[in-house]
Each structure stands twice: as structure tokens, then as C-alpha cells.
């Protein structure tokens, strides 16, 4: 969501958000549109790959500026040429930490630039339509294909095969229905 703080010398440091959010519709609420969810999903891939936000933020902002898209993390171009752009960022940065971060994330094999496997795995769960994130297959559901699609069940996590919201299954299990009954009656 970005941050702001005052330095001891009186200057103010402000960092813009790298994940798209909207003004809350309710008090004390946060509204994250689907594009924000897609961006947060990709940021999660970077952090899971071991990269701190202090290194992800400048790389993402640089990526947005050089790809020319305000929401570059949700763009299919991240999948196709994002690694190359991040590699360029690492090479042009004067900060050795930025260079090491990018080198750890992007590996050069035979002249090709490839995202580190954990990030590639996250990106392989994203489908695109007209260059933008269309659906996200959630990785935490190992035996069931659960997707988030803004055009299916209002963007709620959904069991793809059945078109039923995950919340429906969870609520019935919380109500102490047997897993067998839930599985057989939600067809």
C-alpha cells in the first residue's frame, strides 16, 4: 500500500503503492480490485522466492516505468519480457543489493533470461486475456482446481470443475455436515 515517513533531517519519504487499491466502500475497509489481487499474487511469488519488499518495490516501479504500464505486475508482458526488463534494471542499478536481487531472480542460460522457478510456477497459474490477468489458479489447493475469475461468482475463489464458491463448501463443513455429504450434494 506504500508508505510515508519523516527523516531526522525533516525531509519526507513517500513511496507509492505497487498494488492497486480503491477507496474503501465501507469505513475501515479496504477494497482490492481483481487487478490488485493479481499484482499481490505476483508480489507474493517474489517474496516466496526470498526477496524482501525493499528490493521488490524499486524493481517493480522500474518495471512499470520501462514497460510503460501502470499495472505491470498484472500484465502478460511481465511473463514474456519482464525478466529481460528486470535484468536490465539489475545491470543499470548502482546498488549492489539490487544487482544481487535481480541476479538471484533472473537466471541467464544460453543468452535467455528466465524467472527463478518459484516465480515461474506462480506465473504459470495465471491466464491472460488481451494482455491482462484473466484468472488465477490458487496454489494452496493441491487436489482441487480453485480459481479466482472476476467473471465467475463475482471473483470469489471457485472450484473450477463445479463452478461452486469455496465458501459454500467451507460453510457446510463448519455447520458440521460430513465431508462425504458435502462432496456428494454439491454437484
Protein backbone atom coordinates (compact mmCIF):
# COMPACT_ATOMS: atom_id res chain seq x y z
CA UNK A 1 0.00 0.00 0.00
CA UNK A 2 3.02 2.25 0.04
CA UNK A 3 4.33 4.19 2.98
CA UNK A 4 5.41 7.63 4.18
CA UNK A 5 7.74 8.71 6.95
CA UNK A 6 9.74 11.72 8.09
CA UNK A 7 13.51 11.60 8.25
CA UNK A 8 15.53 13.12 11.07
CA UNK A 9 16.60 15.93 8.74
CA UNK A 10 12.94 16.94 8.31
CA UNK A 11 12.52 15.62 4.77
CA UNK A 12 9.60 13.31 4.00
CA UNK A 13 9.92 9.99 2.17
CA UNK A 14 6.83 8.81 0.31
CA UNK A 15 6.56 5.54 -1.56
CA UNK A 16 3.66 4.84 -3.88
CA UNK A 17 1.75 1.56 -3.67
CA UNK A 18 2.76 -1.18 -6.08
CA UNK A 19 -0.56 -3.00 -5.67
CA UNK A 20 -3.71 -1.31 -6.97
CA UNK A 21 -6.31 -0.49 -4.33
CA UNK A 22 -9.53 1.53 -4.39
CA UNK A 23 -11.06 3.81 -1.81
CA UNK A 24 -12.91 1.66 0.73
CA UNK A 25 -16.65 1.41 0.22
CA UNK A 26 -17.15 0.89 3.97
CA UNK A 27 -15.47 2.55 6.93
CA UNK A 28 -12.30 0.74 7.98
CA UNK A 29 -12.44 -1.38 4.85
CA UNK A 30 -10.01 -1.84 2.03
CA UNK A 31 -11.14 -2.52 -1.49
CA UNK A 32 -8.80 -4.52 -3.66
CA UNK A 33 -9.94 -4.94 -7.26
CA UNK A 34 -9.06 -8.07 -9.23
CA UNK A 35 -6.05 -6.33 -10.81
CA UNK A 36 -4.77 -5.61 -7.28
CA UNK A 37 -5.22 -9.26 -6.34
CA UNK A 38 -3.23 -10.26 -9.43
CA UNK A 39 -0.46 -7.80 -8.53
CA UNK A 40 -0.36 -9.02 -4.92
CA UNK A 41 -0.20 -12.60 -6.17
CA UNK A 42 2.92 -11.82 -8.21
CA UNK A 43 4.49 -9.88 -5.30
CA UNK A 44 3.86 -12.99 -3.18
CA UNK A 45 5.84 -15.00 -5.75
CA UNK A 46 8.76 -12.62 -5.42
CA UNK A 47 8.69 -12.72 -1.61
CA UNK A 48 8.37 -16.50 -1.64
CA UNK A 49 11.48 -16.54 -3.81
CA UNK A 50 13.24 -14.85 -0.88
CA UNK A 51 13.24 -11.23 -2.00
CA UNK A 52 12.43 -8.51 0.57
CA UNK A 53 10.00 -5.71 -0.26
CA UNK A 54 12.89 -3.22 -0.05
CA UNK A 55 14.24 -4.81 -3.24
CA UNK A 56 10.95 -5.75 -4.89
CA UNK A 57 9.47 -2.23 -4.74
CA UNK A 58 12.18 -0.41 -6.77
CA UNK A 59 12.33 -3.24 -9.29
CA UNK A 60 8.55 -3.19 -9.78
CA UNK A 61 8.43 0.59 -10.10
CA UNK A 62 11.27 0.44 -12.61
CA UNK A 63 9.48 -2.35 -14.46
CA UNK A 64 6.27 -0.28 -14.64
CA UNK A 65 8.17 2.73 -15.94
CA UNK A 66 10.09 0.81 -18.59
CA UNK A 67 7.29 -1.45 -19.77
CA UNK A 68 5.08 1.61 -19.84
CA UNK A 69 2.14 0.12 -17.95
CA UNK A 70 0.88 1.44 -14.62
CA UNK A 71 -0.07 -2.10 -13.54
CA UNK A 72 2.85 -4.03 -15.00
CA UNK A 73 2.57 -6.86 -12.47
CA UNK A 74 -0.85 -7.81 -13.88
CA UNK A 75 0.34 -7.60 -17.47
CA UNK A 76 1.15 -10.59 -19.63
CA UNK A 77 4.27 -8.68 -20.66
CA UNK A 78 5.74 -9.48 -17.25
CA UNK A 79 5.62 -13.13 -18.29
CA UNK A 80 7.05 -12.53 -21.76
CA UNK A 81 9.66 -9.79 -21.35
CA UNK A 82 9.58 -8.87 -17.67
CA UNK A 83 12.62 -10.98 -16.88
CA UNK A 84 14.61 -9.12 -19.50
CA UNK A 85 13.49 -5.76 -18.19
CA UNK A 86 14.32 -6.77 -14.60
CA UNK A 87 17.72 -8.00 -15.78
CA UNK A 88 18.33 -4.57 -17.35
CA UNK A 89 17.28 -2.94 -14.06
CA UNK A 90 19.84 -5.03 -12.16
CA UNK A 91 22.58 -4.22 -14.63
CA UNK A 92 21.88 -0.47 -14.62
CA UNK A 93 21.47 -0.10 -10.86
CA UNK A 94 24.39 1.28 -8.90
CA UNK A 95 23.24 -0.55 -5.77
CA UNK A 96 24.96 -3.97 -5.41
CA UNK A 97 21.96 -5.26 -3.43
CA UNK A 98 19.67 -4.53 -6.41
CA UNK A 99 22.09 -6.31 -8.73
CA UNK A 100 22.27 -9.37 -6.44
CA UNK A 101 18.49 -9.49 -6.03
CA UNK A 102 17.87 -9.43 -9.76
CA UNK A 103 20.64 -11.94 -10.47
CA UNK A 104 19.05 -14.29 -7.93
CA UNK A 105 15.60 -13.85 -9.51
CA UNK A 106 16.64 -13.92 -13.16
CA UNK A 107 19.00 -16.60 -14.42
CA UNK A 108 20.75 -16.38 -17.76
CA UNK A 109 21.06 -19.68 -19.60
CA UNK A 110 22.33 -19.69 -23.17
CA UNK A 111 21.55 -16.00 -23.50
CA UNK A 112 17.92 -16.43 -22.37
CA UNK A 113 16.61 -14.67 -19.31
CA UNK A 114 14.29 -16.81 -17.22
CA UNK A 115 12.43 -16.16 -13.98
CA UNK A 116 13.52 -18.19 -10.99
CA UNK A 117 11.43 -21.43 -10.79
CA UNK A 118 9.24 -20.34 -7.86
CA UNK A 119 8.18 -17.17 -9.69
CA UNK A 120 7.70 -19.11 -12.93
CA UNK A 121 5.46 -21.55 -11.02
CA UNK A 122 3.28 -18.68 -9.79
CA UNK A 123 3.09 -17.13 -13.25
CA UNK A 124 2.14 -20.49 -14.80
CA UNK A 125 -1.04 -20.37 -12.66
CA UNK A 126 -2.14 -17.10 -14.26
CA UNK A 127 -4.10 -16.94 -17.50
CA UNK A 128 -4.28 -13.81 -19.61
CA UNK A 129 -6.84 -12.25 -21.90
CA UNK A 130 -5.95 -9.32 -24.15
CA UNK A 131 -2.62 -8.98 -22.32
CA UNK A 132 -4.08 -8.72 -18.78
CA UNK A 133 -4.61 -11.20 -15.96
CA UNK A 134 -7.87 -13.08 -16.52
CA UNK A 135 -7.82 -15.88 -13.93
CA UNK A 136 -5.58 -17.06 -11.13
CA UNK A 137 -5.39 -20.70 -10.11
CA UNK A 138 -4.79 -20.69 -6.36
CA UNK A 139 -1.77 -22.83 -5.41
CA UNK A 140 -2.80 -23.67 -1.85
CA UNK A 141 -5.49 -26.08 -3.08
CA UNK A 142 -3.45 -29.09 -4.14
CA UNK A 143 -6.11 -31.68 -5.02
CA UNK A 144 -8.80 -29.31 -6.37
CA UNK A 145 -8.58 -26.73 -9.12
CA UNK A 146 -9.64 -23.47 -7.40
CA UNK A 147 -9.65 -20.32 -9.50
CA UNK A 148 -10.30 -16.63 -9.00
CA UNK A 149 -12.03 -15.17 -12.03
CA UNK A 150 -13.75 -11.77 -11.89
CA UNK A 151 -16.44 -13.10 -14.26
CA UNK A 152 -17.21 -16.20 -12.17
CA UNK A 153 -19.02 -15.90 -8.83
CA UNK A 154 -18.06 -12.25 -8.51
CA UNK A 155 -14.35 -13.10 -8.27
CA UNK A 156 -14.77 -15.36 -5.23
CA UNK A 157 -12.46 -18.41 -5.10
CA UNK A 158 -14.36 -21.09 -7.02
CA UNK A 159 -13.96 -24.83 -7.53
CA UNK A 160 -13.46 -24.67 -11.28
CA UNK A 161 -14.90 -28.07 -12.15
CA UNK A 162 -18.19 -27.39 -10.37
CA UNK A 163 -18.46 -23.59 -10.52
CA UNK A 164 -19.23 -23.50 -6.79
CA UNK A 165 -17.64 -20.96 -4.45
CA UNK A 166 -15.15 -22.44 -1.97
CA UNK A 167 -17.02 -20.58 0.75
CA UNK A 168 -20.08 -22.79 0.13
CA UNK A 169 -18.05 -25.90 0.93
CA UNK A 170 -16.42 -24.28 3.96
CA UNK A 171 -19.72 -23.06 5.41
CA UNK A 172 -21.30 -26.51 5.13
CA UNK A 173 -18.28 -28.13 6.77
CA UNK A 174 -18.36 -25.52 9.56
CA UNK A 175 -22.03 -26.43 10.07
CA UNK A 176 -20.73 -29.95 10.83
CA UNK A 177 -22.02 -31.63 7.70
CA UNK A 178 -19.92 -34.64 6.83
CA UNK A 179 -17.32 -34.19 4.11
CA UNK A 180 -18.93 -37.08 2.22
CA UNK A 181 -22.35 -35.38 2.24
CA UNK A 182 -20.87 -32.08 1.14
CA UNK A 183 -18.95 -33.76 -1.67
CA UNK A 184 -21.96 -35.69 -2.99
CA UNK A 185 -24.60 -32.96 -2.73
CA UNK A 186 -22.68 -30.04 -4.24
CA UNK A 187 -22.81 -31.20 -7.84
